[in-house]
Amino acid sequence: MLRIVRGAERVTVDASGSAPGRGAWVHREGDCIDRALGKGGLARALRTGLGAGELGRLRDDIETGAA
């Protein structure tokens, strides 16, 4: 499982799983990540709006192993 967290400044991948802020857990599988980012589920869980640029950055962070 991978934790995404909404901190004070922005939404990021939480490699430690314990960063402060509102978090949401997502399976690391490609299909789960696609659904979470594509249908607004992640934004809803984090109670924030996520623009296309921010979604793209999160997807890149996940794919490049920044998690």
PDB file of N, CA and C in Angstrom:
ATOM      1  N   MET A   1       0.848  -1.177   0.000  1.00  0.00           N
ATOM      2  CA  MET A   1       0.000   0.000   0.000  1.00  0.00           C
ATOM      3  C   MET A   1       0.892   1.239   0.000  1.00  0.00           C
ATOM      4  N   LEU A   2       0.367   2.263  -0.592  1.00  0.00           N
ATOM      5  CA  LEU A   2       1.074   3.523  -0.743  1.00  0.00           C
ATOM      6  C   LEU A   2       0.217   4.627  -0.134  1.00  0.00           C
ATOM      7  N   ARG A   3       0.825   5.466   0.684  1.00  0.00           N
ATOM      8  CA  ARG A   3       0.076   6.551   1.313  1.00  0.00           C
ATOM      9  C   ARG A   3       0.347   7.855   0.581  1.00  0.00           C
ATOM     10  N   ILE A   4      -0.737   8.558   0.271  1.00  0.00           N
ATOM     11  CA  ILE A   4      -0.679   9.896  -0.308  1.00  0.00           C
ATOM     12  C   ILE A   4      -1.183  10.833   0.781  1.00  0.00           C
ATOM     13  N   VAL A   5      -0.492  11.925   1.011  1.00  0.00           N
ATOM     14  CA  VAL A   5      -0.855  12.817   2.109  1.00  0.00           C
ATOM     15  C   VAL A   5      -1.029  14.255   1.623  1.00  0.00           C
ATOM     16  N   ARG A   6      -2.052  14.910   2.156  1.00  0.00           N
ATOM     17  CA  ARG A   6      -2.258  16.337   1.906  1.00  0.00           C
ATOM     18  C   ARG A   6      -1.656  17.067   3.088  1.00  0.00           C
ATOM     19  N   GLY A   7      -0.517  17.706   2.829  1.00  0.00           N
ATOM     20  CA  GLY A   7       0.146  18.482   3.862  1.00  0.00           C
ATOM     21  C   GLY A   7      -0.275  19.934   3.787  1.00  0.00           C
ATOM     22  N   ALA A   8       0.425  20.767   4.506  1.00  0.00           N
ATOM     23  CA  ALA A   8       0.102  22.190   4.540  1.00  0.00           C
ATOM     24  C   ALA A   8       0.337  22.865   3.190  1.00  0.00           C
ATOM     25  N   GLU A   9       1.341  22.413   2.457  1.00  0.00           N
ATOM     26  CA  GLU A   9       1.719  23.062   1.202  1.00  0.00           C
ATOM     27  C   GLU A   9       1.153  22.381  -0.040  1.00  0.00           C
ATOM     28  N   ARG A  10       1.206  21.032  -0.066  1.00  0.00           N
ATOM     29  CA  ARG A  10       0.793  20.309  -1.263  1.00  0.00           C
ATOM     30  C   ARG A  10       0.522  18.845  -0.963  1.00  0.00           C
ATOM     31  N   VAL A  11       0.066  18.129  -1.970  1.00  0.00           N
ATOM     32  CA  VAL A  11      -0.205  16.695  -1.865  1.00  0.00           C
ATOM     33  C   VAL A  11       1.045  15.958  -2.333  1.00  0.00           C
ATOM     34  N   THR A  12       1.507  14.996  -1.519  1.00  0.00           N
ATOM     35  CA  THR A  12       2.735  14.271  -1.838  1.00  0.00           C
ATOM     36  C   THR A  12       2.591  12.793  -1.523  1.00  0.00           C
ATOM     37  N   VAL A  13       3.527  12.023  -2.039  1.00  0.00           N
ATOM     38  CA  VAL A  13       3.634  10.611  -1.695  1.00  0.00           C
ATOM     39  C   VAL A  13       4.360  10.538  -0.350  1.00  0.00           C
ATOM     40  N   ASP A  14       3.818   9.776   0.583  1.00  0.00           N
ATOM     41  CA  ASP A  14       4.381   9.646   1.928  1.00  0.00           C
ATOM     42  C   ASP A  14       5.117   8.321   2.040  1.00  0.00           C
ATOM     43  N   ALA A  15       6.415   8.348   1.800  1.00  0.00           N
ATOM     44  CA  ALA A  15       7.215   7.119   1.822  1.00  0.00           C
ATOM     45  C   ALA A  15       7.264   6.490   3.209  1.00  0.00           C
ATOM     46  N   SER A  16       7.223   7.301   4.263  1.00  0.00           N
ATOM     47  CA  SER A  16       7.311   6.770   5.618  1.00  0.00           C
ATOM     48  C   SER A  16       5.983   6.202   6.108  1.00  0.00           C
ATOM     49  N   GLY A  17       4.880   6.662   5.522  1.00  0.00           N
ATOM     50  CA  GLY A  17       3.566   6.223   5.969  1.00  0.00           C
ATOM     51  C   GLY A  17       3.095   6.889   7.231  1.00  0.00           C
ATOM     52  N   SER A  18       3.840   7.906   7.685  1.00  0.00           N
ATOM     53  CA  SER A  18       3.466   8.545   8.948  1.00  0.00           C
ATOM     54  C   SER A  18       3.603  10.067   8.930  1.00  0.00           C
ATOM     55  N   ALA A  19       3.662  10.651   7.756  1.00  0.00           N
ATOM     56  CA  ALA A  19       3.782  12.109   7.661  1.00  0.00           C
ATOM     57  C   ALA A  19       2.494  12.762   8.176  1.00  0.00           C
ATOM     58  N   PRO A  20       2.606  13.953   8.765  1.00  0.00           N
ATOM     59  CA  PRO A  20       1.403  14.625   9.253  1.00  0.00           C
ATOM     60  C   PRO A  20       0.542  15.122   8.105  1.00  0.00           C
ATOM     61  N   GLY A  21      -0.742  15.136   8.319  1.00  0.00           N
ATOM     62  CA  GLY A  21      -1.678  15.600   7.310  1.00  0.00           C
ATOM     63  C   GLY A  21      -2.715  14.536   7.009  1.00  0.00           C
ATOM     64  N   ARG A  22      -3.707  14.922   6.249  1.00  0.00           N
ATOM     65  CA  ARG A  22      -4.775  13.994   5.883  1.00  0.00           C
ATOM     66  C   ARG A  22      -4.248  13.040   4.818  1.00  0.00           C
ATOM     67  N   GLY A  23      -4.375  11.757   5.047  1.00  0.00           N
ATOM     68  CA  GLY A  23      -3.809  10.769   4.139  1.00  0.00           C
ATOM     69  C   GLY A  23      -4.842   9.832   3.548  1.00  0.00           C
ATOM     70  N   ALA A  24      -4.455   9.199   2.456  1.00  0.00           N
ATOM     71  CA  ALA A  24      -5.272   8.185   1.797  1.00  0.00           C
ATOM     72  C   ALA A  24      -4.335   7.074   1.337  1.00  0.00           C
ATOM     73  N   TRP A  25      -4.791   5.848   1.463  1.00  0.00           N
ATOM     74  CA  TRP A  25      -4.000   4.687   1.063  1.00  0.00           C
ATOM     75  C   TRP A  25      -4.465   4.170  -0.288  1.00  0.00           C
ATOM     76  N   VAL A  26      -3.500   3.812  -1.140  1.00  0.00           N
ATOM     77  CA  VAL A  26      -3.787   3.301  -2.477  1.00  0.00           C
ATOM     78  C   VAL A  26      -2.891   2.088  -2.711  1.00  0.00           C
ATOM     79  N   HIS A  27      -3.437   1.049  -3.346  1.00  0.00           N
ATOM     80  CA  HIS A  27      -2.599  -0.086  -3.740  1.00  0.00           C
ATOM     81  C   HIS A  27      -1.567   0.392  -4.746  1.00  0.00           C
ATOM     82  N   ARG A  28      -0.416  -0.225  -4.758  1.00  0.00           N
ATOM     83  CA  ARG A  28       0.652   0.161  -5.678  1.00  0.00           C
ATOM     84  C   ARG A  28       0.424  -0.344  -7.103  1.00  0.00           C
ATOM     85  N   GLU A  29      -0.590  -1.150  -7.316  1.00  0.00           N
ATOM     86  CA  GLU A  29      -0.874  -1.688  -8.650  1.00  0.00           C
ATOM     87  C   GLU A  29      -1.349  -0.579  -9.577  1.00  0.00           C
ATOM     88  N   GLY A  30      -0.964  -0.671 -10.827  1.00  0.00           N
ATOM     89  CA  GLY A  30      -1.291   0.352 -11.818  1.00  0.00           C
ATOM     90  C   GLY A  30      -2.774   0.642 -11.958  1.00  0.00           C
ATOM     91  N   ASP A  31      -3.601  -0.401 -11.953  1.00  0.00           N
ATOM     92  CA  ASP A  31      -5.044  -0.198 -12.104  1.00  0.00           C
ATOM     93  C   ASP A  31      -5.628   0.594 -10.947  1.00  0.00           C
ATOM     94  N   CYS A  32      -5.192   0.285  -9.746  1.00  0.00           N
ATOM     95  CA  CYS A  32      -5.708   0.998  -8.565  1.00  0.00           C
ATOM     96  C   CYS A  32      -5.288   2.461  -8.587  1.00  0.00           C
ATOM     97  N   ILE A  33      -4.061   2.705  -8.965  1.00  0.00           N
ATOM     98  CA  ILE A  33      -3.562   4.083  -9.041  1.00  0.00           C
ATOM     99  C   ILE A  33      -4.320   4.846 -10.120  1.00  0.00           C
ATOM    100  N   ASP A  34      -4.541   4.211 -11.267  1.00  0.00           N
ATOM    101  CA  ASP A  34      -5.294   4.855 -12.348  1.00  0.00           C
ATOM    102  C   ASP A  34      -6.694   5.239 -11.892  1.00  0.00           C
ATOM    103  N   ARG A  35      -7.371   4.322 -11.199  1.00  0.00           N
ATOM    104  CA  ARG A  35      -8.724   4.615 -10.717  1.00  0.00           C
ATOM    105  C   ARG A  35      -8.726   5.718  -9.674  1.00  0.00           C
ATOM    106  N   ALA A  36      -7.772   5.691  -8.750  1.00  0.00           N
ATOM    107  CA  ALA A  36      -7.722   6.703  -7.693  1.00  0.00           C
ATOM    108  C   ALA A  36      -7.470   8.091  -8.263  1.00  0.00           C
ATOM    109  N   LEU A  37      -6.569   8.179  -9.237  1.00  0.00           N
ATOM    110  CA  LEU A  37      -6.236   9.478  -9.815  1.00  0.00           C
ATOM    111  C   LEU A  37      -7.249   9.910 -10.866  1.00  0.00           C
ATOM    112  N   GLY A  38      -7.810   8.954 -11.578  1.00  0.00           N
ATOM    113  CA  GLY A  38      -8.665   9.274 -12.712  1.00  0.00           C
ATOM    114  C   GLY A  38     -10.100   9.631 -12.394  1.00  0.00           C
ATOM    115  N   LYS A  39     -10.672   9.049 -11.380  1.00  0.00           N
ATOM    116  CA  LYS A  39     -12.089   9.262 -11.104  1.00  0.00           C
ATOM    117  C   LYS A  39     -12.353  10.206  -9.939  1.00  0.00           C
ATOM    118  N   GLY A  40     -11.319  10.840  -9.421  1.00  0.00           N
ATOM    119  CA  GLY A  40     -11.507  11.808  -8.350  1.00  0.00           C
ATOM    120  C   GLY A  40     -11.599  11.214  -6.963  1.00  0.00           C
ATOM    121  N   GLY A  41     -11.397   9.912  -6.841  1.00  0.00           N
ATOM    122  CA  GLY A  41     -11.464   9.274  -5.533  1.00  0.00           C
ATOM    123  C   GLY A  41     -10.409   9.777  -4.570  1.00  0.00           C
ATOM    124  N   LEU A  42      -9.211   9.995  -5.069  1.00  0.00           N
ATOM    125  CA  LEU A  42      -8.129  10.477  -4.220  1.00  0.00           C
ATOM    126  C   LEU A  42      -8.412  11.890  -3.730  1.00  0.00           C
ATOM    127  N   ALA A  43      -8.852  12.755  -4.616  1.00  0.00           N
ATOM    128  CA  ALA A  43      -9.186  14.134  -4.224  1.00  0.00           C
ATOM    129  C   ALA A  43     -10.305  14.132  -3.191  1.00  0.00           C
ATOM    130  N   ARG A  44     -11.269  13.272  -3.365  1.00  0.00           N
ATOM    131  CA  ARG A  44     -12.385  13.171  -2.419  1.00  0.00           C
ATOM    132  C   ARG A  44     -11.889  12.691  -1.061  1.00  0.00           C
ATOM    133  N   ALA A  45     -11.035  11.687  -1.049  1.00  0.00           N
ATOM    134  CA  ALA A  45     -10.512  11.145   0.208  1.00  0.00           C
ATOM    135  C   ALA A  45      -9.650  12.171   0.944  1.00  0.00           C
ATOM    136  N   LEU A  46      -8.921  12.985   0.180  1.00  0.00           N
ATOM    137  CA  LEU A  46      -8.054  13.995   0.793  1.00  0.00           C
ATOM    138  C   LEU A  46      -8.789  15.307   1.072  1.00  0.00           C
ATOM    139  N   ARG A  47     -10.036  15.379   0.608  1.00  0.00           N
ATOM    140  CA  ARG A  47     -10.866  16.574   0.780  1.00  0.00           C
ATOM    141  C   ARG A  47     -10.184  17.821   0.225  1.00  0.00           C
ATOM    142  N   THR A  48      -9.737  17.694  -1.022  1.00  0.00           N
ATOM    143  CA  THR A  48      -9.074  18.809  -1.700  1.00  0.00           C
ATOM    144  C   THR A  48      -9.283  18.666  -3.201  1.00  0.00           C
ATOM    145  N   GLY A  49      -9.061  19.735  -3.921  1.00  0.00           N
ATOM    146  CA  GLY A  49      -9.082  19.674  -5.370  1.00  0.00           C
ATOM    147  C   GLY A  49      -7.688  19.351  -5.885  1.00  0.00           C
ATOM    148  N   LEU A  50      -7.627  18.533  -6.907  1.00  0.00           N
ATOM    149  CA  LEU A  50      -6.343  18.188  -7.518  1.00  0.00           C
ATOM    150  C   LEU A  50      -6.411  18.536  -8.997  1.00  0.00           C
ATOM    151  N   GLY A  51      -5.565  19.468  -9.411  1.00  0.00           N
ATOM    152  CA  GLY A  51      -5.511  19.858 -10.806  1.00  0.00           C
ATOM    153  C   GLY A  51      -4.749  18.844 -11.636  1.00  0.00           C
ATOM    154  N   ALA A  52      -4.845  19.008 -12.947  1.00  0.00           N
ATOM    155  CA  ALA A  52      -4.168  18.082 -13.862  1.00  0.00           C
ATOM    156  C   ALA A  52      -2.666  18.060 -13.633  1.00  0.00           C
ATOM    157  N   GLY A  53      -2.077  19.207 -13.366  1.00  0.00           N
ATOM    158  CA  GLY A  53      -0.639  19.273 -13.121  1.00  0.00           C
ATOM    159  C   GLY A  53      -0.230  18.514 -11.873  1.00  0.00           C
ATOM    160  N   GLU A  54      -1.024  18.666 -10.824  1.00  0.00           N
ATOM    161  CA  GLU A  54      -0.711  17.975  -9.573  1.00  0.00           C
ATOM    162  C   GLU A  54      -0.913  16.466  -9.709  1.00  0.00           C
ATOM    163  N   LEU A  55      -1.957  16.058 -10.424  1.00  0.00           N
ATOM    164  CA  LEU A  55      -2.175  14.633 -10.662  1.00  0.00           C
ATOM    165  C   LEU A  55      -1.028  14.038 -11.478  1.00  0.00           C
ATOM    166  N   GLY A  56      -0.559  14.776 -12.479  1.00  0.00           N
ATOM    167  CA  GLY A  56       0.570  14.315 -13.288  1.00  0.00           C
ATOM    168  C   GLY A  56       1.836  14.176 -12.469  1.00  0.00           C
ATOM    169  N   ARG A  57       2.078  15.127 -11.587  1.00  0.00           N
ATOM    170  CA  ARG A  57       3.264  15.080 -10.724  1.00  0.00           C
ATOM    171  C   ARG A  57       3.192  13.885  -9.777  1.00  0.00           C
ATOM    172  N   LEU A  58       2.009  13.643  -9.189  1.00  0.00           N
ATOM    173  CA  LEU A  58       1.846  12.486  -8.309  1.00  0.00           C
ATOM    174  C   LEU A  58       2.083  11.179  -9.063  1.00  0.00           C
ATOM    175  N   ARG A  59       1.525  11.074 -10.260  1.00  0.00           N
ATOM    176  CA  ARG A  59       1.722   9.856 -11.067  1.00  0.00           C
ATOM    177  C   ARG A  59       3.200   9.661 -11.372  1.00  0.00           C
ATOM    178  N   ASP A  60       3.898  10.730 -11.718  1.00  0.00           N
ATOM    179  CA  ASP A  60       5.342  10.635 -11.987  1.00  0.00           C
ATOM    180  C   ASP A  60       6.101  10.198 -10.742  1.00  0.00           C
ATOM    181  N   ASP A  61       5.758  10.770  -9.585  1.00  0.00           N
ATOM    182  CA  ASP A  61       6.416  10.402  -8.323  1.00  0.00           C
ATOM    183  C   ASP A  61       6.221   8.922  -8.016  1.00  0.00           C
ATOM    184  N   ILE A  62       5.024   8.417  -8.243  1.00  0.00           N
ATOM    185  CA  ILE A  62       4.728   7.022  -7.990  1.00  0.00           C
ATOM    186  C   ILE A  62       5.502   6.120  -8.949  1.00  0.00           C
ATOM    187  N   GLU A  63       5.497   6.459 -10.229  1.00  0.00           N
ATOM    188  CA  GLU A  63       6.133   5.635 -11.252  1.00  0.00           C
ATOM    189  C   GLU A  63       7.656   5.641 -11.172  1.00  0.00           C
ATOM    190  N   THR A  64       8.241   6.762 -10.753  1.00  0.00           N
ATOM    191  CA  THR A  64       9.696   6.848 -10.674  1.00  0.00           C
ATOM    192  C   THR A  64      10.239   6.324  -9.360  1.00  0.00           C
ATOM    193  N   GLY A  65       9.352   5.894  -8.480  1.00  0.00           N
ATOM    194  CA  GLY A  65       9.808   5.320  -7.228  1.00  0.00           C
ATOM    195  C   GLY A  65      10.110   6.329  -6.149  1.00  0.00           C
ATOM    196  N   ALA A  66       9.575   7.538  -6.279  1.00  0.00           N
ATOM    197  CA  ALA A  66       9.773   8.547  -5.248  1.00  0.00           C
ATOM    198  C   ALA A  66       8.994   8.208  -3.994  1.00  0.00           C
ATOM    199  N   ALA A  67       8.235   7.130  -4.069  1.00  0.00           N
ATOM    200  CA  ALA A  67       7.416   6.725  -2.918  1.00  0.00           C
ATOM    201  C   ALA A  67       8.224   5.930  -1.927  1.00  0.00           C
TER     202      ALA A  67
END
